[in-house]
């Protein structure tokens, strides 16, 4: 994936920026730009978009000098472009995360950074971004189809089914402690058949999570169902039918299904990155 991932660096310490650029290029990433100011980064990313070369990932220093700090700059970039934001920060305080949470970044890297952690964070973020763009494309296609009155409903449903069933991402909807929807990818991930998955009740679903992660996941799910603000992304371990422990990163959204709240979830298997 590295050779296909493009990165833009916004870091006001020129020595750190130059070193990071060289290290990431040696790791196989393509660096499209390297600037020290937020205003300049927006100009450069706009130019790259016009050249049909918008970066996949923007590494954004939070404490930029100038008229715009890193959080303000990232907010502007997120509103205008499809770049995934990874914040670089020398602070690990809750205040930093609270200020940047609304931007929904793809990750944080603490300075002084560890190169292996940096590479892993970029790779996971790039993967997430590609899935999000794919989901946006799918939604747009479905909206276009639904707006074409000449299309039969059965055609739309068949297309939607084909898209979801052939997705590389594991997708499901959980409502009132039961799976009400699951694609084949989630069955492959968990090692169960779809029939077994749909037969599961809440205690069975809870047991899919590693014991060390269950309480945290239940708390997050309960808060989300209550409409409380919680992180969009969650990393945890599952136990497959064969007893294998796999690391998952989930993207969860509260939706209304058949008039009742439900959790729409997309899962990525990140075990290979975690176990490096």
Protein backbone atom coordinates (compact mmCIF):
# COMPACT_ATOMS: atom_id res chain seq x y z
CA UNK A 1 0.00 0.00 0.00
CA UNK A 2 2.91 2.38 0.71
CA UNK A 3 3.80 3.01 -2.91
CA UNK A 4 0.22 4.10 -3.63
CA UNK A 5 -0.11 6.35 -0.57
CA UNK A 6 0.63 10.05 -0.96
CA UNK A 7 1.44 12.27 2.02
CA UNK A 8 1.56 16.03 2.60
CA UNK A 9 3.51 17.31 5.63
CA UNK A 10 2.62 20.46 7.60
CA UNK A 11 5.29 20.94 10.29
CA UNK A 12 6.72 24.29 11.42
CA UNK A 13 10.04 22.82 12.59
CA UNK A 14 11.94 22.65 9.32
CA UNK A 15 14.54 20.17 10.60
CA UNK A 16 11.85 17.76 11.83
CA UNK A 17 9.90 18.17 8.58
CA UNK A 18 12.96 17.47 6.41
CA UNK A 19 13.89 14.41 8.46
CA UNK A 20 10.33 13.07 8.37
CA UNK A 21 10.12 13.62 4.62
CA UNK A 22 13.32 11.65 4.01
CA UNK A 23 12.29 8.80 6.31
CA UNK A 24 8.84 8.41 4.78
CA UNK A 25 10.25 8.50 1.24
CA UNK A 26 12.70 5.77 2.21
CA UNK A 27 9.75 3.80 3.59
CA UNK A 28 8.05 3.97 0.18
CA UNK A 29 5.54 6.79 0.58
CA UNK A 30 5.21 9.62 -1.96
CA UNK A 31 5.61 13.06 -0.36
CA UNK A 32 3.65 15.67 -2.33
CA UNK A 33 4.56 18.69 -0.25
CA UNK A 34 6.26 19.97 2.86
CA UNK A 35 5.25 23.37 4.31
CA UNK A 36 5.52 25.18 7.65
CA UNK A 37 2.33 27.27 7.68
CA UNK A 38 -1.36 26.36 7.68
CA UNK A 39 -2.33 28.98 5.10
CA UNK A 40 0.33 27.73 2.69
CA UNK A 41 -0.79 24.11 3.11
CA UNK A 42 -4.33 24.99 1.99
CA UNK A 43 -2.98 26.78 -1.10
CA UNK A 44 -0.75 23.83 -1.98
CA UNK A 45 -3.44 21.19 -1.48
CA UNK A 46 -5.80 23.23 -3.67
CA UNK A 47 -3.11 23.31 -6.36
CA UNK A 48 -2.61 19.55 -6.05
CA UNK A 49 -6.36 18.97 -6.37
CA UNK A 50 -6.45 21.04 -9.55
CA UNK A 51 -3.67 18.79 -10.84
CA UNK A 52 -5.80 15.75 -9.89
CA UNK A 53 -3.22 14.78 -7.27
CA UNK A 54 -4.92 15.45 -3.93
CA UNK A 55 -2.91 13.79 -1.12
CA UNK A 56 -4.27 10.75 0.70
CA UNK A 57 -2.89 11.77 4.09
CA UNK A 58 -1.98 15.12 5.67
CA UNK A 59 0.41 15.02 8.63
CA UNK A 60 -0.59 18.11 10.61
CA UNK A 61 1.42 19.67 13.42
CA UNK A 62 -1.11 20.99 15.97
CA UNK A 63 1.03 23.87 17.24
CA UNK A 64 1.68 25.80 14.04
CA UNK A 65 2.86 29.37 14.17
CA UNK A 66 1.08 31.96 12.06
CA UNK A 67 -2.52 33.04 11.56
CA UNK A 68 -3.88 29.48 11.60
CA UNK A 69 -2.92 26.77 14.06
CA UNK A 70 -2.95 23.10 13.11
CA UNK A 71 -6.49 22.42 14.32
CA UNK A 72 -7.96 25.38 12.41
CA UNK A 73 -6.02 24.37 9.31
CA UNK A 74 -7.13 20.73 9.58
CA UNK A 75 -10.75 21.85 9.97
CA UNK A 76 -10.51 23.88 6.76
CA UNK A 77 -8.84 21.03 4.88
CA UNK A 78 -11.45 18.53 6.09
CA UNK A 79 -14.26 20.80 4.89
CA UNK A 80 -12.75 21.33 1.44
CA UNK A 81 -10.92 18.13 0.58
CA UNK A 82 -10.94 14.34 1.05
CA UNK A 83 -7.56 14.12 2.78
CA UNK A 84 -7.18 12.01 5.91
CA UNK A 85 -5.75 14.06 8.80
CA UNK A 86 -3.15 12.68 11.23
CA UNK A 87 -2.18 15.10 13.98
CA UNK A 88 1.42 15.47 15.15
CA UNK A 89 1.65 16.76 18.70
CA UNK A 90 4.11 17.02 21.54
CA UNK A 91 1.22 17.05 24.02
CA UNK A 92 -0.86 14.10 25.17
CA UNK A 93 -3.32 16.10 27.27
CA UNK A 94 -7.07 15.58 27.09
CA UNK A 95 -7.43 19.22 26.10
CA UNK A 96 -5.59 18.60 22.81
CA UNK A 97 -7.85 15.67 21.95
CA UNK A 98 -10.97 17.61 22.96
CA UNK A 99 -10.04 20.56 20.74
CA UNK A 100 -9.33 18.34 17.73
CA UNK A 101 -12.09 15.74 18.22
CA UNK A 102 -14.66 17.56 16.06
CA UNK A 103 -12.40 17.15 13.02
CA UNK A 104 -12.54 13.34 13.33
CA UNK A 105 -8.83 12.79 12.60
CA UNK A 106 -7.57 9.42 11.43
CA UNK A 107 -4.93 9.32 14.14
CA UNK A 108 -2.48 11.03 16.46
CA UNK A 109 1.30 10.65 16.63
CA UNK A 110 3.18 11.98 19.65
CA UNK A 111 6.49 13.79 19.19
CA UNK A 112 9.25 12.79 19.32
CA UNK A 113 7.69 10.26 16.99
CA UNK A 114 8.56 6.59 16.58
CA UNK A 115 9.05 5.85 12.88
CA UNK A 116 7.42 2.41 12.97
CA UNK A 117 4.39 3.83 14.77
CA UNK A 118 4.25 6.66 12.23
CA UNK A 119 4.32 4.25 9.29
CA UNK A 120 1.65 2.00 10.83
CA UNK A 121 -0.59 4.99 11.59
CA UNK A 122 -0.29 6.28 8.01
CA UNK A 123 -1.00 2.87 6.49
CA UNK A 124 -4.11 2.30 8.62
CA UNK A 125 -5.33 5.85 7.98
CA UNK A 126 -4.85 5.44 4.21
CA UNK A 127 -6.83 2.19 4.31
CA UNK A 128 -9.62 3.84 6.30
CA UNK A 129 -9.71 6.79 3.90
CA UNK A 130 -10.02 4.50 0.88
CA UNK A 131 -12.92 2.66 2.47
CA UNK A 132 -14.64 5.94 3.34
CA UNK A 133 -14.25 7.19 -0.23
CA UNK A 134 -15.59 3.87 -1.49
CA UNK A 135 -18.59 4.19 0.83
CA UNK A 136 -19.21 7.75 -0.39
CA UNK A 137 -19.06 6.56 -3.98
CA UNK A 138 -21.48 3.74 -3.21
CA UNK A 139 -23.94 6.10 -1.51
CA UNK A 140 -23.74 8.51 -4.43
CA UNK A 141 -24.40 5.75 -6.94
CA UNK A 142 -27.37 4.52 -4.92
CA UNK A 143 -28.79 8.04 -4.62
CA UNK A 144 -28.49 8.48 -8.37
CA UNK A 145 -30.23 5.19 -8.99
CA UNK A 146 -33.01 6.00 -6.57
CA UNK A 147 -33.58 9.35 -8.28
CA UNK A 148 -34.07 7.69 -11.64
CA UNK A 149 -37.76 6.95 -11.63
CA UNK A 150 -37.48 4.68 -14.64
CA UNK A 151 -35.45 2.18 -12.63
CA UNK A 152 -37.34 -0.62 -10.99
CA UNK A 153 -36.93 -1.02 -7.23
CA UNK A 154 -35.75 -4.56 -7.71
CA UNK A 155 -32.82 -3.36 -9.84
CA UNK A 156 -31.75 -0.92 -7.15
CA UNK A 157 -31.95 -3.57 -4.45
CA UNK A 158 -29.99 -6.06 -6.52
CA UNK A 159 -27.25 -3.50 -7.16
CA UNK A 160 -27.09 -2.56 -3.49
CA UNK A 161 -26.86 -6.24 -2.53
CA UNK A 162 -24.08 -6.83 -5.06
CA UNK A 163 -22.09 -3.87 -3.74
CA UNK A 164 -22.44 -4.81 -0.08
CA UNK A 165 -21.86 -8.53 -0.55
CA UNK A 166 -18.69 -7.92 -2.56
CA UNK A 167 -17.28 -5.33 -0.17
CA UNK A 168 -13.92 -6.14 1.44
CA UNK A 169 -15.16 -4.52 4.64
CA UNK A 170 -17.20 -6.47 7.19
CA UNK A 171 -20.56 -4.68 7.55
CA UNK A 172 -23.42 -5.34 9.96
CA UNK A 173 -26.36 -3.72 11.75
CA UNK A 174 -27.02 -4.64 15.39
CA UNK A 175 -30.36 -3.78 16.95
CA UNK A 176 -31.72 -4.78 20.35
CA UNK A 177 -28.90 -7.25 20.89
CA UNK A 178 -29.30 -9.09 17.57
CA UNK A 179 -27.73 -8.99 14.13
CA UNK A 180 -30.45 -7.70 11.78
CA UNK A 181 -28.03 -7.40 8.86
CA UNK A 182 -24.60 -8.88 8.11
CA UNK A 183 -22.67 -9.31 4.87
CA UNK A 184 -20.53 -12.29 3.93
CA UNK A 185 -17.33 -10.47 4.85
CA UNK A 186 -18.29 -10.35 8.52
CA UNK A 187 -19.05 -14.07 8.45
CA UNK A 188 -15.60 -14.68 6.97
CA UNK A 189 -13.99 -12.45 9.62
CA UNK A 190 -15.68 -14.17 12.57
CA UNK A 191 -15.50 -17.68 11.14
CA UNK A 192 -19.24 -18.32 11.50
CA UNK A 193 -21.86 -18.89 8.84
CA UNK A 194 -24.45 -16.17 8.26
CA UNK A 195 -27.10 -18.51 9.65
CA UNK A 196 -25.10 -18.83 12.89
CA UNK A 197 -24.60 -15.06 13.08
CA UNK A 198 -28.30 -14.27 12.67
CA UNK A 199 -29.14 -16.86 15.35
CA UNK A 200 -26.90 -15.15 17.92
CA UNK A 201 -28.42 -13.36 20.88
CA UNK A 202 -26.83 -10.54 22.87
CA UNK A 203 -24.71 -12.76 25.20
CA UNK A 204 -23.34 -14.57 22.13
CA UNK A 205 -22.44 -11.27 20.46
CA UNK A 206 -20.76 -9.99 23.62
CA UNK A 207 -18.64 -13.15 23.78
CA UNK A 208 -17.25 -12.38 20.32
CA UNK A 209 -15.21 -9.60 21.95
CA UNK A 210 -12.07 -10.34 23.94
CA UNK A 211 -12.85 -10.41 27.70
CA UNK A 212 -10.49 -7.47 28.30
CA UNK A 213 -12.43 -5.31 25.82
CA UNK A 214 -16.04 -6.27 26.55
CA UNK A 215 -16.87 -3.78 29.28
CA UNK A 216 -15.41 -0.87 27.30
CA UNK A 217 -17.29 -1.84 24.12
CA UNK A 218 -20.59 -2.24 25.97
CA UNK A 219 -20.13 1.19 27.57
CA UNK A 220 -19.36 2.85 24.22
CA UNK A 221 -22.36 1.17 22.54
CA UNK A 222 -24.73 2.19 25.32
CA UNK A 223 -23.55 5.81 25.18
CA UNK A 224 -23.89 5.88 21.39
CA UNK A 225 -27.44 4.50 21.55
CA UNK A 226 -28.26 7.25 24.04
CA UNK A 227 -27.07 9.86 21.55
CA UNK A 228 -23.95 10.75 23.54
CA UNK A 229 -20.77 11.85 21.76
CA UNK A 230 -18.24 9.02 21.59
CA UNK A 231 -15.29 8.30 19.27
CA UNK A 232 -16.30 7.24 15.77
CA UNK A 233 -13.48 4.69 15.58
CA UNK A 234 -12.79 1.96 18.14
CA UNK A 235 -10.01 -0.63 18.24
CA UNK A 236 -10.58 -3.94 20.01
CA UNK A 237 -9.98 -7.69 19.82
CA UNK A 238 -12.39 -10.39 18.70
CA UNK A 239 -12.29 -14.13 19.23
CA UNK A 240 -13.15 -16.09 16.11
CA UNK A 241 -15.07 -19.36 16.09
CA UNK A 242 -11.74 -21.19 15.94
CA UNK A 243 -10.48 -19.31 19.01
CA UNK A 244 -8.10 -17.01 17.13
CA UNK A 245 -7.66 -13.50 18.51
CA UNK A 246 -7.85 -10.79 15.84
CA UNK A 247 -7.49 -7.00 16.21
CA UNK A 248 -10.33 -5.03 14.66
CA UNK A 249 -10.94 -1.35 14.04
CA UNK A 250 -14.63 -0.51 13.84
CA UNK A 251 -16.46 2.48 12.38
CA UNK A 252 -19.86 2.83 14.01
CA UNK A 253 -22.82 5.10 13.30
CA UNK A 254 -26.17 5.35 15.05
CA UNK A 255 -28.95 4.82 12.50
CA UNK A 256 -32.71 4.42 12.45
CA UNK A 257 -33.75 0.99 11.22
CA UNK A 258 -37.43 0.07 10.97
CA UNK A 259 -38.28 2.96 13.27
CA UNK A 260 -35.85 1.95 16.02
CA UNK A 261 -32.23 2.94 16.84
CA UNK A 262 -29.54 0.56 15.64
CA UNK A 263 -25.75 0.49 15.26
CA UNK A 264 -24.39 0.36 11.71
CA UNK A 265 -20.84 -1.02 11.95
CA UNK A 266 -17.97 -1.49 9.52
CA UNK A 267 -14.99 -3.58 10.64
CA UNK A 268 -11.38 -3.61 9.43
CA UNK A 269 -8.97 -6.38 10.40
CA UNK A 270 -5.76 -4.56 11.48
CA UNK A 271 -4.07 -7.55 13.14
CA UNK A 272 -1.13 -7.49 10.73
CA UNK A 273 -0.39 -3.87 11.62
CA UNK A 274 -0.78 -4.34 15.39
CA UNK A 275 1.43 -7.45 15.51
CA UNK A 276 4.40 -5.94 13.72
